[in-house]
């Protein structure tokens, strides 16, 4: 088992002969999202040597997710991702955002989206708290608020033209934005 520590835990869990599972857990007192609980539970089940059906389900968990809520964490998150990923999908959301819940529960878990995210990291920008820090982060990202998604170059943080979506969208819409960054 290999792991790295910085703003929480991020690393790979290897359980027996099963495939390694990439995972990332945010540090802090924030309540984890449903998706984070499911992903964490699958990773723990694999690490504990669970049945092969759970092991097969865990293979969907391939992209690394970094959760941020301020500019410094955003920059350092991209820097950490740059060694492994050329691009990252920035997902600006909030717990109070209903469309964000749809994105988290239906669009991001979509199998085709998950396959595309094997090659694109995910940066979750949490703006649940409305304060000076999150307003500065939104301004830095040129966003009015959630839900907003776009794709950036992890090496320099520059947004790729034509990848931004504001408001609701479908899995097919997201796939059209991700396809140029994921090998066929």
N, C-alpha and C. Protein backbone atom coordinates (compact mmCIF):
# COMPACT_ATOMS: atom_id res chain seq x y z
N UNK A 1 0.86 -1.18 0.00
CA UNK A 1 0.00 0.00 0.00
C UNK A 1 0.89 1.23 0.00
N UNK A 2 0.53 2.22 -0.83
CA UNK A 2 1.31 3.43 -0.96
C UNK A 2 0.37 4.59 -0.69
N UNK A 3 0.84 5.61 0.01
CA UNK A 3 -0.01 6.78 0.23
C UNK A 3 0.86 8.02 0.39
N UNK A 4 0.24 9.16 0.17
CA UNK A 4 0.91 10.43 0.38
C UNK A 4 0.04 11.27 1.29
N UNK A 5 0.63 12.16 2.04
CA UNK A 5 -0.13 13.01 2.93
C UNK A 5 0.18 14.46 2.66
N UNK A 6 -0.87 15.26 2.62
CA UNK A 6 -0.74 16.71 2.55
C UNK A 6 -2.02 17.29 3.11
N UNK A 7 -2.96 17.67 2.27
CA UNK A 7 -4.21 18.25 2.73
C UNK A 7 -5.23 17.14 3.02
N UNK A 8 -4.84 16.05 3.64
CA UNK A 8 -5.69 14.91 3.87
C UNK A 8 -4.97 13.68 3.39
N UNK A 9 -5.68 12.69 2.89
CA UNK A 9 -5.08 11.47 2.39
C UNK A 9 -5.35 11.37 0.90
N UNK A 10 -4.36 11.03 0.16
CA UNK A 10 -4.55 10.72 -1.25
C UNK A 10 -3.58 9.62 -1.59
N UNK A 11 -4.01 8.61 -2.26
CA UNK A 11 -3.08 7.55 -2.60
C UNK A 11 -3.77 6.38 -3.24
N UNK A 12 -3.11 5.23 -3.19
CA UNK A 12 -3.61 4.03 -3.82
C UNK A 12 -3.75 2.95 -2.76
N UNK A 13 -4.87 2.26 -2.79
CA UNK A 13 -5.08 1.13 -1.89
C UNK A 13 -5.01 -0.12 -2.75
N UNK A 14 -4.16 -1.05 -2.38
CA UNK A 14 -4.01 -2.31 -3.11
C UNK A 14 -4.46 -3.41 -2.17
N UNK A 15 -5.44 -4.18 -2.59
CA UNK A 15 -5.96 -5.26 -1.77
C UNK A 15 -5.72 -6.59 -2.47
N UNK A 16 -4.82 -7.38 -1.96
CA UNK A 16 -4.56 -8.69 -2.52
C UNK A 16 -4.26 -8.63 -4.01
N UNK A 17 -4.97 -9.45 -4.79
CA UNK A 17 -4.76 -9.50 -6.24
C UNK A 17 -5.67 -8.54 -6.98
N UNK A 18 -6.52 -7.78 -6.27
CA UNK A 18 -7.43 -6.84 -6.91
C UNK A 18 -6.69 -5.66 -7.49
N UNK A 19 -7.36 -4.93 -8.34
CA UNK A 19 -6.79 -3.75 -8.97
C UNK A 19 -6.60 -2.65 -7.93
N UNK A 20 -5.56 -1.83 -8.06
CA UNK A 20 -5.38 -0.73 -7.13
C UNK A 20 -6.50 0.29 -7.29
N UNK A 21 -6.88 0.92 -6.19
CA UNK A 21 -7.96 1.89 -6.19
C UNK A 21 -7.40 3.24 -5.77
N UNK A 22 -7.54 4.25 -6.63
CA UNK A 22 -7.13 5.59 -6.31
C UNK A 22 -8.18 6.24 -5.43
N UNK A 23 -7.76 6.97 -4.41
CA UNK A 23 -8.73 7.63 -3.56
C UNK A 23 -8.14 8.92 -3.00
N UNK A 24 -9.03 9.80 -2.58
CA UNK A 24 -8.63 11.06 -1.96
C UNK A 24 -9.70 11.42 -0.95
N UNK A 25 -9.27 11.83 0.23
CA UNK A 25 -10.20 12.21 1.28
C UNK A 25 -9.83 13.58 1.77
N UNK A 26 -10.81 14.46 1.82
CA UNK A 26 -10.60 15.84 2.26
C UNK A 26 -10.44 15.88 3.78
N UNK A 27 -9.49 16.68 4.25
CA UNK A 27 -9.29 16.88 5.67
C UNK A 27 -10.18 18.02 6.13
N UNK A 28 -10.65 17.96 7.33
CA UNK A 28 -11.45 19.05 7.88
C UNK A 28 -12.75 18.52 8.44
N UNK A 29 -13.55 19.40 9.02
CA UNK A 29 -14.76 19.01 9.68
C UNK A 29 -15.98 18.98 8.79
N UNK A 30 -15.84 19.18 7.49
CA UNK A 30 -16.99 19.22 6.59
C UNK A 30 -17.59 17.82 6.46
N UNK A 31 -18.89 17.75 6.33
CA UNK A 31 -19.59 16.50 6.14
C UNK A 31 -19.33 16.00 4.73
N UNK A 32 -18.92 14.72 4.59
CA UNK A 32 -18.65 14.21 3.25
C UNK A 32 -19.93 14.11 2.44
N UNK A 33 -19.79 14.23 1.12
CA UNK A 33 -20.93 14.08 0.24
C UNK A 33 -21.27 12.60 0.12
N UNK A 34 -22.44 12.33 -0.41
CA UNK A 34 -22.87 10.94 -0.60
C UNK A 34 -21.89 10.20 -1.50
N UNK A 35 -21.43 10.88 -2.57
CA UNK A 35 -20.48 10.26 -3.50
C UNK A 35 -19.18 9.91 -2.78
N UNK A 36 -18.69 10.81 -1.89
CA UNK A 36 -17.46 10.54 -1.18
C UNK A 36 -17.63 9.34 -0.24
N UNK A 37 -18.80 9.20 0.38
CA UNK A 37 -19.05 8.06 1.24
C UNK A 37 -19.08 6.76 0.45
N UNK A 38 -19.72 6.78 -0.72
CA UNK A 38 -19.79 5.58 -1.55
C UNK A 38 -18.39 5.19 -2.02
N UNK A 39 -17.64 6.17 -2.53
CA UNK A 39 -16.28 5.90 -3.01
C UNK A 39 -15.41 5.40 -1.87
N UNK A 40 -15.47 6.05 -0.73
CA UNK A 40 -14.68 5.64 0.42
C UNK A 40 -15.05 4.24 0.89
N UNK A 41 -16.36 3.94 0.89
CA UNK A 41 -16.82 2.61 1.29
C UNK A 41 -16.33 1.53 0.36
N UNK A 42 -16.37 1.79 -0.94
CA UNK A 42 -15.87 0.81 -1.90
C UNK A 42 -14.38 0.58 -1.71
N UNK A 43 -13.64 1.65 -1.50
CA UNK A 43 -12.19 1.52 -1.31
C UNK A 43 -11.89 0.72 -0.05
N UNK A 44 -12.64 0.98 1.02
CA UNK A 44 -12.43 0.24 2.27
C UNK A 44 -12.80 -1.22 2.09
N UNK A 45 -13.89 -1.50 1.36
CA UNK A 45 -14.30 -2.88 1.12
C UNK A 45 -13.23 -3.64 0.34
N UNK A 46 -12.65 -3.01 -0.66
CA UNK A 46 -11.59 -3.65 -1.44
C UNK A 46 -10.38 -3.90 -0.56
N UNK A 47 -10.01 -2.91 0.24
CA UNK A 47 -8.85 -3.05 1.12
C UNK A 47 -9.05 -4.16 2.12
N UNK A 48 -10.29 -4.39 2.53
CA UNK A 48 -10.59 -5.43 3.50
C UNK A 48 -10.73 -6.81 2.86
N UNK A 49 -10.60 -6.87 1.53
CA UNK A 49 -10.69 -8.15 0.84
C UNK A 49 -12.12 -8.58 0.61
N UNK A 50 -12.98 -7.65 0.24
CA UNK A 50 -14.39 -7.95 0.02
C UNK A 50 -14.57 -8.85 -1.20
N UNK A 51 -15.80 -9.19 -1.45
CA UNK A 51 -16.12 -10.11 -2.55
C UNK A 51 -15.71 -9.52 -3.89
N UNK A 52 -15.60 -10.39 -4.89
CA UNK A 52 -15.18 -9.94 -6.22
C UNK A 52 -16.19 -9.01 -6.85
N UNK A 53 -17.49 -9.10 -6.49
CA UNK A 53 -18.47 -8.19 -7.07
C UNK A 53 -18.23 -6.77 -6.59
N UNK A 54 -17.89 -6.60 -5.33
CA UNK A 54 -17.56 -5.27 -4.83
C UNK A 54 -16.25 -4.81 -5.46
N UNK A 55 -15.31 -5.72 -5.60
CA UNK A 55 -14.03 -5.39 -6.23
C UNK A 55 -14.24 -4.91 -7.65
N UNK A 56 -15.11 -5.55 -8.41
CA UNK A 56 -15.38 -5.13 -9.78
C UNK A 56 -16.04 -3.76 -9.80
N UNK A 57 -16.95 -3.51 -8.88
CA UNK A 57 -17.62 -2.20 -8.82
C UNK A 57 -16.62 -1.10 -8.51
N UNK A 58 -15.61 -1.41 -7.73
CA UNK A 58 -14.65 -0.39 -7.33
C UNK A 58 -13.76 0.05 -8.50
N UNK A 59 -13.71 -0.73 -9.56
CA UNK A 59 -12.87 -0.37 -10.69
C UNK A 59 -13.34 0.91 -11.36
N UNK A 60 -14.57 1.33 -11.10
CA UNK A 60 -15.08 2.58 -11.65
C UNK A 60 -14.37 3.77 -11.00
N UNK A 61 -13.83 3.59 -9.79
CA UNK A 61 -13.20 4.67 -9.04
C UNK A 61 -11.76 4.82 -9.52
N UNK A 62 -11.56 5.61 -10.58
CA UNK A 62 -10.22 5.69 -11.16
C UNK A 62 -9.64 7.09 -11.14
N UNK A 63 -10.47 8.10 -11.15
CA UNK A 63 -9.98 9.47 -11.19
C UNK A 63 -9.70 9.97 -9.79
N UNK A 64 -8.68 10.78 -9.66
CA UNK A 64 -8.38 11.38 -8.37
C UNK A 64 -9.18 12.66 -8.25
N UNK A 65 -9.74 12.88 -7.09
CA UNK A 65 -10.51 14.08 -6.80
C UNK A 65 -9.79 14.87 -5.72
N UNK A 66 -9.65 16.18 -5.94
CA UNK A 66 -9.10 17.08 -4.95
C UNK A 66 -10.20 18.08 -4.61
N UNK A 67 -10.52 18.23 -3.33
CA UNK A 67 -11.55 19.17 -2.90
C UNK A 67 -10.90 20.41 -2.31
N UNK A 68 -11.36 21.59 -2.76
CA UNK A 68 -10.77 22.85 -2.33
C UNK A 68 -11.86 23.85 -1.98
N UNK A 69 -11.49 24.84 -1.16
CA UNK A 69 -12.44 25.91 -0.84
C UNK A 69 -11.75 27.26 -0.73
N UNK A 70 -10.49 27.34 -1.18
CA UNK A 70 -9.79 28.63 -1.22
C UNK A 70 -8.73 28.60 -2.32
N UNK A 71 -8.21 29.77 -2.65
CA UNK A 71 -7.27 29.89 -3.77
C UNK A 71 -5.99 29.09 -3.53
N UNK A 72 -5.45 29.15 -2.33
CA UNK A 72 -4.19 28.43 -2.05
C UNK A 72 -4.36 26.92 -2.24
N UNK A 73 -5.46 26.37 -1.74
CA UNK A 73 -5.71 24.94 -1.92
C UNK A 73 -5.94 24.59 -3.39
N UNK A 74 -6.60 25.48 -4.12
CA UNK A 74 -6.83 25.25 -5.55
C UNK A 74 -5.49 25.16 -6.29
N UNK A 75 -4.63 26.13 -6.04
CA UNK A 75 -3.32 26.14 -6.72
C UNK A 75 -2.49 24.92 -6.34
N UNK A 76 -2.43 24.60 -5.04
CA UNK A 76 -1.63 23.45 -4.62
C UNK A 76 -2.24 22.14 -5.09
N UNK A 77 -3.56 22.08 -5.17
CA UNK A 77 -4.22 20.89 -5.69
C UNK A 77 -3.85 20.64 -7.14
N UNK A 78 -3.88 21.69 -7.96
CA UNK A 78 -3.48 21.55 -9.36
C UNK A 78 -2.01 21.13 -9.46
N UNK A 79 -1.17 21.71 -8.63
CA UNK A 79 0.26 21.36 -8.65
C UNK A 79 0.46 19.87 -8.34
N UNK A 80 -0.29 19.35 -7.34
CA UNK A 80 -0.18 17.93 -6.99
C UNK A 80 -0.68 17.04 -8.13
N UNK A 81 -1.72 17.48 -8.82
CA UNK A 81 -2.30 16.69 -9.90
C UNK A 81 -1.44 16.71 -11.17
N UNK A 82 -0.66 17.76 -11.37
CA UNK A 82 0.09 17.96 -12.61
C UNK A 82 1.06 16.83 -12.93
N UNK A 83 1.57 16.14 -11.92
CA UNK A 83 2.52 15.05 -12.19
C UNK A 83 1.85 13.83 -12.82
N UNK A 84 0.54 13.70 -12.64
CA UNK A 84 -0.16 12.52 -13.15
C UNK A 84 -1.18 12.84 -14.24
N UNK A 85 -1.78 14.02 -14.17
CA UNK A 85 -2.83 14.39 -15.10
C UNK A 85 -2.46 15.67 -15.83
N UNK A 86 -2.74 15.73 -17.13
CA UNK A 86 -2.51 16.96 -17.89
C UNK A 86 -3.67 17.92 -17.72
N UNK A 87 -4.85 17.38 -17.46
CA UNK A 87 -6.05 18.21 -17.37
C UNK A 87 -6.86 17.85 -16.13
N UNK A 88 -7.71 18.79 -15.73
CA UNK A 88 -8.61 18.56 -14.60
C UNK A 88 -9.96 19.20 -14.90
N UNK A 89 -11.01 18.52 -14.50
CA UNK A 89 -12.36 19.06 -14.57
C UNK A 89 -12.60 19.79 -13.26
N UNK A 90 -12.84 21.09 -13.34
CA UNK A 90 -13.14 21.89 -12.15
C UNK A 90 -14.65 21.90 -12.00
N UNK A 91 -15.13 21.44 -10.84
CA UNK A 91 -16.56 21.33 -10.56
C UNK A 91 -16.88 22.24 -9.38
N UNK A 92 -17.48 23.40 -9.67
CA UNK A 92 -17.84 24.36 -8.62
C UNK A 92 -19.25 24.03 -8.15
N UNK A 93 -19.37 23.70 -6.87
CA UNK A 93 -20.66 23.31 -6.32
C UNK A 93 -20.83 23.75 -4.88
N UNK A 94 -22.03 23.50 -4.37
CA UNK A 94 -22.37 23.83 -2.99
C UNK A 94 -23.44 22.86 -2.51
N UNK A 95 -23.45 22.59 -1.22
CA UNK A 95 -24.44 21.68 -0.66
C UNK A 95 -25.86 22.17 -0.88
N UNK A 96 -26.08 23.48 -0.89
CA UNK A 96 -27.42 24.04 -1.03
C UNK A 96 -27.86 24.13 -2.49
N UNK A 97 -27.02 23.76 -3.42
CA UNK A 97 -27.31 23.85 -4.86
C UNK A 97 -27.98 22.56 -5.34
N UNK A 98 -29.26 22.66 -5.74
CA UNK A 98 -30.00 21.47 -6.18
C UNK A 98 -29.44 20.88 -7.46
N UNK A 99 -29.06 21.73 -8.41
CA UNK A 99 -28.49 21.23 -9.67
C UNK A 99 -27.17 20.51 -9.38
N UNK A 100 -26.40 21.02 -8.42
CA UNK A 100 -25.13 20.37 -8.05
C UNK A 100 -25.38 18.95 -7.53
N UNK A 101 -26.48 18.75 -6.81
CA UNK A 101 -26.84 17.42 -6.32
C UNK A 101 -27.10 16.47 -7.49
N UNK A 102 -27.77 16.96 -8.51
CA UNK A 102 -28.03 16.15 -9.71
C UNK A 102 -26.70 15.79 -10.38
N UNK A 103 -25.82 16.77 -10.48
CA UNK A 103 -24.50 16.52 -11.08
C UNK A 103 -23.76 15.44 -10.29
N UNK A 104 -23.75 15.57 -8.96
CA UNK A 104 -23.03 14.62 -8.10
C UNK A 104 -23.65 13.23 -8.07
N UNK A 105 -24.98 13.16 -8.16
CA UNK A 105 -25.66 11.88 -8.00
C UNK A 105 -25.96 11.17 -9.31
N UNK A 106 -26.07 11.91 -10.42
CA UNK A 106 -26.47 11.28 -11.68
C UNK A 106 -25.45 11.43 -12.81
N UNK A 107 -24.85 12.60 -12.91
CA UNK A 107 -23.99 12.87 -14.07
C UNK A 107 -22.57 12.36 -13.85
N UNK A 108 -21.92 12.74 -12.77
CA UNK A 108 -20.55 12.29 -12.54
C UNK A 108 -20.44 10.77 -12.37
N UNK A 109 -21.41 10.09 -11.74
CA UNK A 109 -21.31 8.63 -11.63
C UNK A 109 -21.65 7.87 -12.92
N UNK A 110 -22.13 8.55 -13.94
CA UNK A 110 -22.46 7.90 -15.20
C UNK A 110 -21.25 7.10 -15.70
N UNK A 111 -21.43 5.84 -16.09
CA UNK A 111 -20.28 5.00 -16.50
C UNK A 111 -19.43 5.61 -17.61
N UNK A 112 -20.04 6.22 -18.60
CA UNK A 112 -19.25 6.83 -19.68
C UNK A 112 -18.46 8.03 -19.17
N UNK A 113 -19.06 8.82 -18.29
CA UNK A 113 -18.35 9.96 -17.69
C UNK A 113 -17.18 9.44 -16.85
N UNK A 114 -17.41 8.38 -16.08
CA UNK A 114 -16.34 7.80 -15.28
C UNK A 114 -15.18 7.32 -16.14
N UNK A 115 -15.49 6.71 -17.28
CA UNK A 115 -14.41 6.27 -18.19
C UNK A 115 -13.61 7.47 -18.70
N UNK A 116 -14.29 8.55 -19.03
CA UNK A 116 -13.59 9.75 -19.49
C UNK A 116 -12.76 10.35 -18.37
N UNK A 117 -13.24 10.25 -17.15
CA UNK A 117 -12.51 10.82 -16.00
C UNK A 117 -11.29 9.99 -15.59
N UNK A 118 -11.09 8.84 -16.24
CA UNK A 118 -9.86 8.09 -15.98
C UNK A 118 -8.64 8.91 -16.39
N UNK A 119 -8.83 9.81 -17.34
CA UNK A 119 -7.72 10.59 -17.90
C UNK A 119 -7.76 12.06 -17.50
N UNK A 120 -8.78 12.43 -16.76
CA UNK A 120 -8.96 13.83 -16.34
C UNK A 120 -9.23 13.84 -14.84
N UNK A 121 -8.40 14.55 -14.09
CA UNK A 121 -8.62 14.64 -12.64
C UNK A 121 -9.86 15.47 -12.37
N UNK A 122 -10.34 15.43 -11.14
CA UNK A 122 -11.53 16.18 -10.76
C UNK A 122 -11.17 17.09 -9.58
N UNK A 123 -11.42 18.38 -9.76
CA UNK A 123 -11.19 19.35 -8.68
C UNK A 123 -12.55 19.86 -8.23
N UNK A 124 -12.95 19.46 -7.04
CA UNK A 124 -14.22 19.91 -6.48
C UNK A 124 -14.02 21.21 -5.73
N UNK A 125 -14.69 22.25 -6.18
CA UNK A 125 -14.60 23.57 -5.53
C UNK A 125 -15.87 23.74 -4.70
N UNK A 126 -15.73 23.71 -3.38
CA UNK A 126 -16.87 23.80 -2.48
C UNK A 126 -17.08 25.25 -2.05
N UNK A 127 -18.21 25.82 -2.49
CA UNK A 127 -18.55 27.19 -2.10
C UNK A 127 -19.83 27.20 -1.27
N UNK A 128 -20.03 26.14 -0.49
CA UNK A 128 -21.20 26.06 0.38
C UNK A 128 -21.24 27.25 1.33
N UNK A 129 -20.12 27.58 1.92
CA UNK A 129 -20.03 28.75 2.80
C UNK A 129 -19.86 29.99 1.93
N UNK A 130 -20.69 30.99 2.17
CA UNK A 130 -20.55 32.24 1.43
C UNK A 130 -19.79 33.21 2.32
N UNK A 131 -18.51 33.37 2.03
CA UNK A 131 -17.65 34.26 2.82
C UNK A 131 -16.59 34.88 1.90
N UNK A 132 -15.74 35.68 2.46
CA UNK A 132 -14.72 36.38 1.69
C UNK A 132 -13.82 35.38 0.93
N UNK A 133 -13.45 34.30 1.57
CA UNK A 133 -12.55 33.32 0.95
C UNK A 133 -13.18 32.68 -0.28
N UNK A 134 -14.44 32.26 -0.17
CA UNK A 134 -15.08 31.63 -1.33
C UNK A 134 -15.40 32.65 -2.42
N UNK A 135 -15.73 33.89 -2.03
CA UNK A 135 -15.96 34.92 -3.05
C UNK A 135 -14.67 35.20 -3.82
N UNK A 136 -13.53 35.24 -3.11
CA UNK A 136 -12.24 35.45 -3.79
C UNK A 136 -11.93 34.29 -4.73
N UNK A 137 -12.24 33.07 -4.30
CA UNK A 137 -12.00 31.89 -5.14
C UNK A 137 -12.88 31.94 -6.40
N UNK A 138 -14.14 32.28 -6.25
CA UNK A 138 -15.03 32.40 -7.41
C UNK A 138 -14.52 33.48 -8.36
N UNK A 139 -14.07 34.59 -7.82
CA UNK A 139 -13.53 35.66 -8.66
C UNK A 139 -12.28 35.18 -9.40
N UNK A 140 -11.40 34.47 -8.70
CA UNK A 140 -10.18 33.93 -9.28
C UNK A 140 -10.50 32.99 -10.44
N UNK A 141 -11.60 32.21 -10.29
CA UNK A 141 -12.00 31.25 -11.31
C UNK A 141 -12.94 31.85 -12.35
N UNK A 142 -13.20 33.15 -12.25
CA UNK A 142 -14.10 33.85 -13.17
C UNK A 142 -15.48 33.18 -13.22
N UNK A 143 -16.00 32.85 -12.04
CA UNK A 143 -17.30 32.19 -11.94
C UNK A 143 -18.23 32.99 -11.04
N UNK A 144 -19.51 33.01 -11.40
CA UNK A 144 -20.50 33.69 -10.58
C UNK A 144 -20.97 32.82 -9.42
N UNK A 145 -20.90 31.52 -9.58
CA UNK A 145 -21.34 30.61 -8.54
C UNK A 145 -21.63 29.24 -9.11
N UNK A 146 -22.18 28.36 -8.28
CA UNK A 146 -22.48 27.00 -8.74
C UNK A 146 -23.83 26.94 -9.45
N UNK A 147 -24.01 25.93 -10.25
CA UNK A 147 -23.00 24.97 -10.71
C UNK A 147 -22.24 25.51 -11.92
N UNK A 148 -20.96 25.33 -11.89
CA UNK A 148 -20.09 25.71 -12.99
C UNK A 148 -19.03 24.61 -13.12
N UNK A 149 -18.80 24.15 -14.33
CA UNK A 149 -17.72 23.19 -14.58
C UNK A 149 -16.92 23.67 -15.79
N UNK A 150 -15.63 23.38 -15.77
CA UNK A 150 -14.76 23.67 -16.91
C UNK A 150 -13.49 22.85 -16.77
N UNK A 151 -12.72 22.78 -17.84
CA UNK A 151 -11.50 21.96 -17.85
C UNK A 151 -10.29 22.88 -17.93
N UNK A 152 -9.29 22.57 -17.08
CA UNK A 152 -8.07 23.37 -17.04
C UNK A 152 -6.84 22.50 -17.28
N UNK A 153 -5.78 23.16 -17.69
CA UNK A 153 -4.46 22.55 -17.80
C UNK A 153 -3.88 22.53 -16.39
N UNK A 154 -3.52 21.35 -15.88
CA UNK A 154 -3.03 21.27 -14.50
C UNK A 154 -1.67 21.93 -14.32
N UNK A 155 -0.90 22.04 -15.38
CA UNK A 155 0.43 22.63 -15.26
C UNK A 155 0.38 24.14 -15.03
N UNK A 156 -0.58 24.82 -15.65
CA UNK A 156 -0.60 26.28 -15.52
C UNK A 156 -1.95 26.84 -15.07
N UNK A 157 -2.96 25.98 -14.92
CA UNK A 157 -4.27 26.43 -14.46
C UNK A 157 -5.13 27.12 -15.50
N UNK A 158 -4.66 27.20 -16.73
CA UNK A 158 -5.43 27.88 -17.77
C UNK A 158 -6.63 27.05 -18.21
N UNK A 159 -7.75 27.73 -18.34
CA UNK A 159 -8.98 27.08 -18.79
C UNK A 159 -8.94 26.86 -20.30
N UNK A 160 -9.38 25.67 -20.73
CA UNK A 160 -9.48 25.39 -22.16
C UNK A 160 -10.76 26.02 -22.69
N UNK A 161 -10.64 26.73 -23.81
CA UNK A 161 -11.78 27.40 -24.43
C UNK A 161 -12.87 26.38 -24.79
N UNK A 162 -14.11 26.79 -24.59
CA UNK A 162 -15.24 25.96 -24.97
C UNK A 162 -15.58 24.84 -24.02
N UNK A 163 -14.94 24.79 -22.85
CA UNK A 163 -15.21 23.70 -21.91
C UNK A 163 -16.12 24.11 -20.75
N UNK A 164 -16.42 25.39 -20.62
CA UNK A 164 -17.19 25.88 -19.47
C UNK A 164 -18.68 25.63 -19.67
N UNK A 165 -19.31 25.17 -18.58
CA UNK A 165 -20.76 25.00 -18.55
C UNK A 165 -21.26 25.62 -17.26
N UNK A 166 -22.27 26.48 -17.38
CA UNK A 166 -22.87 27.12 -16.21
C UNK A 166 -24.33 26.70 -16.16
N UNK A 167 -24.76 26.22 -15.01
CA UNK A 167 -26.14 25.74 -14.88
C UNK A 167 -26.22 24.25 -15.15
N UNK A 168 -27.43 23.79 -15.40
CA UNK A 168 -27.63 22.35 -15.58
C UNK A 168 -27.12 21.88 -16.95
N UNK A 169 -26.75 20.62 -17.00
CA UNK A 169 -26.29 19.97 -18.22
C UNK A 169 -26.50 18.48 -18.07
N UNK A 170 -26.37 17.76 -19.16
CA UNK A 170 -26.55 16.30 -19.15
C UNK A 170 -25.18 15.62 -19.18
N UNK A 171 -25.22 14.31 -18.96
CA UNK A 171 -23.98 13.53 -19.06
C UNK A 171 -23.42 13.62 -20.47
N UNK A 172 -24.28 13.63 -21.46
CA UNK A 172 -23.83 13.74 -22.87
C UNK A 172 -23.13 15.08 -23.10
N UNK A 173 -23.66 16.16 -22.50
CA UNK A 173 -23.01 17.47 -22.62
C UNK A 173 -21.61 17.43 -22.01
N UNK A 174 -21.49 16.83 -20.83
CA UNK A 174 -20.19 16.75 -20.17
C UNK A 174 -19.23 15.88 -20.98
N UNK A 175 -19.72 14.79 -21.52
CA UNK A 175 -18.86 13.92 -22.33
C UNK A 175 -18.31 14.64 -23.55
N UNK A 176 -19.12 15.49 -24.19
CA UNK A 176 -18.64 16.26 -25.34
C UNK A 176 -17.48 17.16 -24.92
N UNK A 177 -17.51 17.69 -23.70
CA UNK A 177 -16.43 18.54 -23.22
C UNK A 177 -15.20 17.72 -22.83
N UNK A 178 -15.41 16.50 -22.31
CA UNK A 178 -14.30 15.66 -21.85
C UNK A 178 -13.61 14.90 -22.98
N UNK A 179 -14.31 14.54 -24.03
CA UNK A 179 -13.75 13.67 -25.09
C UNK A 179 -12.43 14.16 -25.67
N UNK A 180 -12.26 15.45 -25.95
CA UNK A 180 -10.97 15.89 -26.52
C UNK A 180 -9.78 15.63 -25.58
N UNK A 181 -10.05 15.40 -24.31
CA UNK A 181 -8.98 15.24 -23.32
C UNK A 181 -8.79 13.79 -22.87
N UNK A 182 -9.63 12.89 -23.40
CA UNK A 182 -9.54 11.47 -23.05
C UNK A 182 -9.27 10.69 -24.32
N UNK A 183 -8.24 9.84 -24.32
CA UNK A 183 -7.93 9.04 -25.51
C UNK A 183 -9.11 8.14 -25.88
N UNK A 184 -9.28 7.88 -27.16
CA UNK A 184 -10.42 7.07 -27.65
C UNK A 184 -10.30 5.62 -27.29
